[in-house]
């Protein structure tokens, strides 16, 4: 397969070149003529080609690299339903400009994959403007996203993702399926927004703050983190029924959501 230009390490570029894997990813999205599709990091357009073959109503292909974006515009110039956007996806997500219910595909740049996921989770509007995310991560990152309480990989990513999204692991992808070949394998996950959020927060970023403080010392007991946030609030400790001798990885997702709600009630951060 001919490669038009050298991938940039600064942009975390590792391009999926295995057609069989591309087709497996596309099937997850159940694309039809009524669907709006967004692709984050279109690269050389291998996944884009398969999306086009599925004939969605509209495709937004977002590519930060100027040269690759130019190549995509030339490659798909005869296809009227695609719009190539040469922008940084993180900047676009902050603008809250998307109106349609998109199916989002993304072989995410390794260096900003968790930032992109967090931005999609922390959208102010909920339910959000997307109906499903079909994203590929480095396997070690995916393992952290799907990790359960009391496991080594459990942490901020899992807590944040499970708050608003239902997560499904689909399959692992060999490092041999990419150019250039990365050092580790990847994993495809899908995320569907939960219709009903049992733990509502005025400001979603408060959950991010809570988890950052707790997991800054993940091997130590949580008593100091709790005191940093709430002081020696005995009534709150009793209300939450929380054991401050536990470590961050021992608390459930639900406990972190409850802590974030109490934080908002006490400090009224909106």
Protein backbone atom coordinates (compact mmCIF):
# COMPACT_ATOMS: atom_id res chain seq x y z
CA UNK A 1 0.00 0.00 0.00
CA UNK A 2 1.39 3.40 -1.00
CA UNK A 3 1.82 5.93 1.79
CA UNK A 4 1.52 9.56 0.59
CA UNK A 5 3.56 11.22 3.31
CA UNK A 6 5.46 10.37 6.47
CA UNK A 7 3.27 10.07 9.60
CA UNK A 8 3.94 12.68 12.27
CA UNK A 9 4.86 11.53 15.77
CA UNK A 10 3.83 14.95 17.12
CA UNK A 11 0.22 14.21 16.10
CA UNK A 12 0.25 10.62 17.36
CA UNK A 13 -0.36 9.30 13.87
CA UNK A 14 -0.70 5.53 13.49
CA UNK A 15 -2.95 4.73 10.54
CA UNK A 16 -5.18 1.69 10.29
CA UNK A 17 -4.43 -0.11 7.00
CA UNK A 18 -6.10 -3.50 7.52
CA UNK A 19 -9.26 -3.60 5.37
CA UNK A 20 -10.75 -6.52 7.33
CA UNK A 21 -10.51 -4.57 10.59
CA UNK A 22 -11.94 -1.49 8.89
CA UNK A 23 -14.99 -3.48 7.78
CA UNK A 24 -15.49 -4.94 11.28
CA UNK A 25 -15.48 -1.43 12.75
CA UNK A 26 -17.98 -0.13 10.19
CA UNK A 27 -20.43 -2.95 10.98
CA UNK A 28 -20.61 -1.83 14.61
CA UNK A 29 -22.13 1.49 13.51
CA UNK A 30 -25.06 0.02 11.54
CA UNK A 31 -24.85 2.89 9.06
CA UNK A 32 -27.85 3.58 6.83
CA UNK A 33 -29.06 6.34 4.50
CA UNK A 34 -30.57 8.34 7.37
CA UNK A 35 -27.45 8.49 9.55
CA UNK A 36 -25.08 11.38 10.07
CA UNK A 37 -21.51 10.16 10.51
CA UNK A 38 -18.46 11.89 11.91
CA UNK A 39 -14.95 10.52 11.60
CA UNK A 40 -12.26 11.87 13.91
CA UNK A 41 -8.76 11.67 12.43
CA UNK A 42 -9.50 10.53 8.88
CA UNK A 43 -5.83 10.15 7.95
CA UNK A 44 -5.45 8.58 4.52
CA UNK A 45 -9.17 7.91 4.22
CA UNK A 46 -9.18 4.10 4.55
CA UNK A 47 -12.04 4.08 7.07
CA UNK A 48 -13.67 7.00 5.23
CA UNK A 49 -13.92 4.91 2.06
CA UNK A 50 -15.86 2.20 3.87
CA UNK A 51 -18.14 4.77 5.50
CA UNK A 52 -18.93 6.18 2.06
CA UNK A 53 -19.74 2.68 0.78
CA UNK A 54 -22.36 2.39 3.55
CA UNK A 55 -24.12 5.48 2.06
CA UNK A 56 -24.93 7.62 5.12
CA UNK A 57 -26.85 10.89 4.80
CA UNK A 58 -23.78 13.00 5.60
CA UNK A 59 -20.13 12.56 6.59
CA UNK A 60 -17.98 15.02 8.52
CA UNK A 61 -14.33 13.97 8.23
CA UNK A 62 -12.16 15.86 10.72
CA UNK A 63 -8.41 15.87 10.13
CA UNK A 64 -5.96 18.19 11.86
CA UNK A 65 -3.01 17.54 9.52
CA UNK A 66 -3.14 20.09 6.67
CA UNK A 67 -1.46 17.85 4.09
CA UNK A 68 -3.69 14.88 4.88
CA UNK A 69 -6.76 17.12 4.85
CA UNK A 70 -5.80 18.40 1.40
CA UNK A 71 -5.28 14.83 0.18
CA UNK A 72 -8.72 13.83 1.50
CA UNK A 73 -10.40 16.71 -0.31
CA UNK A 74 -8.78 15.63 -3.56
CA UNK A 75 -9.50 11.94 -2.98
CA UNK A 76 -13.21 12.45 -2.27
CA UNK A 77 -13.89 15.51 -4.47
CA UNK A 78 -16.57 13.66 -6.43
CA UNK A 79 -18.52 12.63 -3.36
CA UNK A 80 -21.03 15.35 -2.46
CA UNK A 81 -22.12 14.11 0.95
CA UNK A 82 -18.74 14.46 2.64
CA UNK A 83 -17.30 17.57 4.26
CA UNK A 84 -13.59 17.61 5.11
CA UNK A 85 -12.77 19.81 8.10
CA UNK A 86 -9.14 20.74 8.72
CA UNK A 87 -9.42 21.43 12.46
CA UNK A 88 -8.34 20.21 15.88
CA UNK A 89 -11.23 18.10 17.22
CA UNK A 90 -10.60 19.29 20.80
CA UNK A 91 -11.16 22.91 19.73
CA UNK A 92 -14.31 21.99 17.82
CA UNK A 93 -15.76 20.12 20.80
CA UNK A 94 -15.41 23.21 22.98
CA UNK A 95 -17.54 25.26 20.55
CA UNK A 96 -20.66 23.07 20.86
CA UNK A 97 -21.57 23.57 17.20
CA UNK A 98 -22.86 20.11 16.25
CA UNK A 99 -26.63 19.74 15.95
CA UNK A 100 -27.36 16.35 14.38
CA UNK A 101 -27.23 12.96 16.11
CA UNK A 102 -23.91 11.67 14.84
CA UNK A 103 -22.42 8.21 14.81
CA UNK A 104 -18.79 8.97 15.58
CA UNK A 105 -15.91 6.81 14.42
CA UNK A 106 -12.33 7.41 15.43
CA UNK A 107 -8.94 5.75 15.33
CA UNK A 108 -7.89 8.33 17.87
CA UNK A 109 -4.40 9.87 17.92
CA UNK A 110 -2.58 8.06 20.73
CA UNK A 111 -1.31 11.23 22.37
CA UNK A 112 -4.74 12.85 22.91
CA UNK A 113 -7.18 9.93 22.91
CA UNK A 114 -8.16 10.31 26.58
CA UNK A 115 -8.62 14.08 26.18
CA UNK A 116 -10.99 13.53 23.27
CA UNK A 117 -13.03 10.96 25.21
CA UNK A 118 -13.22 13.22 28.28
CA UNK A 119 -14.41 16.14 26.12
CA UNK A 120 -17.15 13.98 24.62
CA UNK A 121 -18.26 12.84 28.07
CA UNK A 122 -18.23 16.32 29.62
CA UNK A 123 -20.48 17.96 27.02
CA UNK A 124 -22.82 20.47 28.70
CA UNK A 125 -25.83 19.31 26.68
CA UNK A 126 -27.13 15.87 27.68
CA UNK A 127 -28.28 13.73 26.00
CA UNK A 128 -25.49 14.84 23.67
CA UNK A 129 -25.43 15.42 19.91
CA UNK A 130 -24.08 11.92 19.22
CA UNK A 131 -25.86 8.59 19.53
CA UNK A 132 -22.85 6.28 19.58
CA UNK A 133 -19.06 6.52 19.74
CA UNK A 134 -17.01 3.79 18.06
CA UNK A 135 -13.44 4.49 19.05
CA UNK A 136 -10.08 2.76 18.96
CA UNK A 137 -7.55 3.21 21.76
CA UNK A 138 -4.21 1.75 22.71
CA UNK A 139 -5.05 -1.48 24.51
CA UNK A 140 -3.69 -0.28 27.84
CA UNK A 141 -5.92 2.80 27.67
CA UNK A 142 -8.97 0.71 26.75
CA UNK A 143 -8.22 -1.61 29.68
CA UNK A 144 -8.37 1.40 32.00
CA UNK A 145 -11.69 2.56 30.52
CA UNK A 146 -13.42 -0.80 31.09
CA UNK A 147 -11.69 -1.56 34.42
CA UNK A 148 -13.74 -2.49 37.48
CA UNK A 149 -13.42 -1.43 41.12
CA UNK A 150 -10.66 -3.16 43.11
CA UNK A 151 -8.50 -3.79 40.04
CA UNK A 152 -5.12 -2.35 39.16
CA UNK A 153 -6.39 -0.49 36.08
CA UNK A 154 -9.42 1.09 37.77
CA UNK A 155 -9.23 4.85 37.89
CA UNK A 156 -10.40 8.21 36.61
CA UNK A 157 -11.15 7.09 33.05
CA UNK A 158 -13.47 4.29 34.12
CA UNK A 159 -15.31 6.46 36.64
CA UNK A 160 -15.79 9.29 34.17
CA UNK A 161 -16.82 7.09 31.22
CA UNK A 162 -19.29 4.95 33.18
CA UNK A 163 -21.03 8.01 34.62
CA UNK A 164 -22.76 8.95 31.36
CA UNK A 165 -22.03 6.13 28.94
CA UNK A 166 -22.74 2.43 28.48
CA UNK A 167 -19.47 0.86 27.33
CA UNK A 168 -18.87 -2.26 25.26
CA UNK A 169 -15.57 -3.85 24.31
CA UNK A 170 -15.66 -5.32 20.78
CA UNK A 171 -12.22 -6.68 19.84
CA UNK A 172 -8.48 -6.13 20.03
CA UNK A 173 -6.49 -5.05 16.97
CA UNK A 174 -2.96 -6.24 16.30
CA UNK A 175 -0.21 -3.64 16.02
CA UNK A 176 0.52 -5.18 12.59
CA UNK A 177 -2.71 -3.61 11.30
CA UNK A 178 -1.21 -0.10 11.44
CA UNK A 179 1.35 2.08 9.71
CA UNK A 180 3.68 2.91 11.25
CA UNK A 181 3.47 -0.14 13.50
CA UNK A 182 3.00 0.93 17.14
CA UNK A 183 4.63 -0.87 20.06
CA UNK A 184 1.39 -2.27 21.48
CA UNK A 185 -1.99 -3.54 20.26
CA UNK A 186 -5.21 -1.53 20.18
CA UNK A 187 -8.82 -2.13 21.22
CA UNK A 188 -12.14 -1.05 19.72
CA UNK A 189 -14.79 0.16 22.18
CA UNK A 190 -18.26 1.58 21.66
CA UNK A 191 -20.04 4.04 23.93
CA UNK A 192 -23.76 4.84 24.01
CA UNK A 193 -25.08 7.80 26.02
CA UNK A 194 -27.24 6.81 28.97
CA UNK A 195 -30.76 8.17 28.64
CA UNK A 196 -31.17 8.53 32.38
CA UNK A 197 -28.32 9.73 34.57
CA UNK A 198 -28.87 8.63 38.17
CA UNK A 199 -26.29 11.06 39.55
CA UNK A 200 -26.81 14.54 38.10
CA UNK A 201 -24.17 17.22 38.45
CA UNK A 202 -24.56 20.93 37.76
CA UNK A 203 -21.00 21.06 36.49
CA UNK A 204 -19.61 17.78 35.07
CA UNK A 205 -16.07 19.03 35.61
CA UNK A 206 -16.55 18.64 39.35
CA UNK A 207 -16.38 14.87 38.89
CA UNK A 208 -13.14 15.34 37.01
CA UNK A 209 -11.80 17.40 39.92
CA UNK A 210 -12.84 14.85 42.54
CA UNK A 211 -11.23 11.93 40.72
CA UNK A 212 -8.06 13.87 40.00
CA UNK A 213 -7.58 14.63 43.70
CA UNK A 214 -8.32 11.09 44.85
CA UNK A 215 -6.13 9.37 42.28
CA UNK A 216 -3.18 11.72 42.70
CA UNK A 217 -2.09 9.26 45.43
CA UNK A 218 -3.79 6.07 44.36
CA UNK A 219 -1.72 3.80 46.63
CA UNK A 220 -2.51 5.75 49.81
CA UNK A 221 -5.62 5.82 51.98
CA UNK A 222 -8.25 8.36 50.95
CA UNK A 223 -8.46 10.14 54.32
CA UNK A 224 -6.13 13.00 53.30
CA UNK A 225 -7.92 13.50 49.97
CA UNK A 226 -11.29 13.61 51.71
CA UNK A 227 -9.99 16.09 54.29
CA UNK A 228 -8.57 18.27 51.51
CA UNK A 229 -12.02 18.52 49.96
CA UNK A 230 -14.31 18.57 53.00
CA UNK A 231 -12.21 19.05 56.11
CA UNK A 232 -13.15 16.81 59.03
CA UNK A 233 -16.84 16.69 58.16
CA UNK A 234 -18.01 13.81 60.34
CA UNK A 235 -21.67 14.16 59.35
CA UNK A 236 -20.75 13.83 55.66
CA UNK A 237 -18.60 10.79 56.37
CA UNK A 238 -21.58 9.18 58.09
CA UNK A 239 -23.98 10.25 55.36
CA UNK A 240 -21.82 8.69 52.64
CA UNK A 241 -21.02 5.68 54.83
CA UNK A 242 -17.46 5.86 53.58
CA UNK A 243 -14.41 4.16 55.09
CA UNK A 244 -11.51 6.62 54.87
CA UNK A 245 -9.00 3.81 55.31
CA UNK A 246 -9.74 2.58 51.79
CA UNK A 247 -7.61 3.38 48.77
CA UNK A 248 -9.02 5.20 45.70
CA UNK A 249 -9.30 1.99 43.68
CA UNK A 250 -11.51 0.42 46.39
CA UNK A 251 -14.37 2.90 46.02
CA UNK A 252 -17.19 2.19 43.59
CA UNK A 253 -18.13 4.41 40.66
CA UNK A 254 -21.32 5.32 42.49
CA UNK A 255 -19.39 6.51 45.55
CA UNK A 256 -17.38 8.94 43.43
CA UNK A 257 -20.60 10.30 41.91
CA UNK A 258 -22.07 10.77 45.39
CA UNK A 259 -18.92 12.56 46.57
CA UNK A 260 -19.09 14.91 43.57
CA UNK A 261 -22.74 15.70 44.32
CA UNK A 262 -21.92 16.52 47.95
CA UNK A 263 -19.04 18.69 46.79
CA UNK A 264 -21.45 20.72 44.66
CA UNK A 265 -23.97 21.01 47.49
CA UNK A 266 -21.37 22.30 49.92
CA UNK A 267 -19.49 24.64 47.63
CA UNK A 268 -22.23 25.45 45.08
CA UNK A 269 -19.88 25.26 42.08
CA UNK A 270 -21.78 25.83 38.87
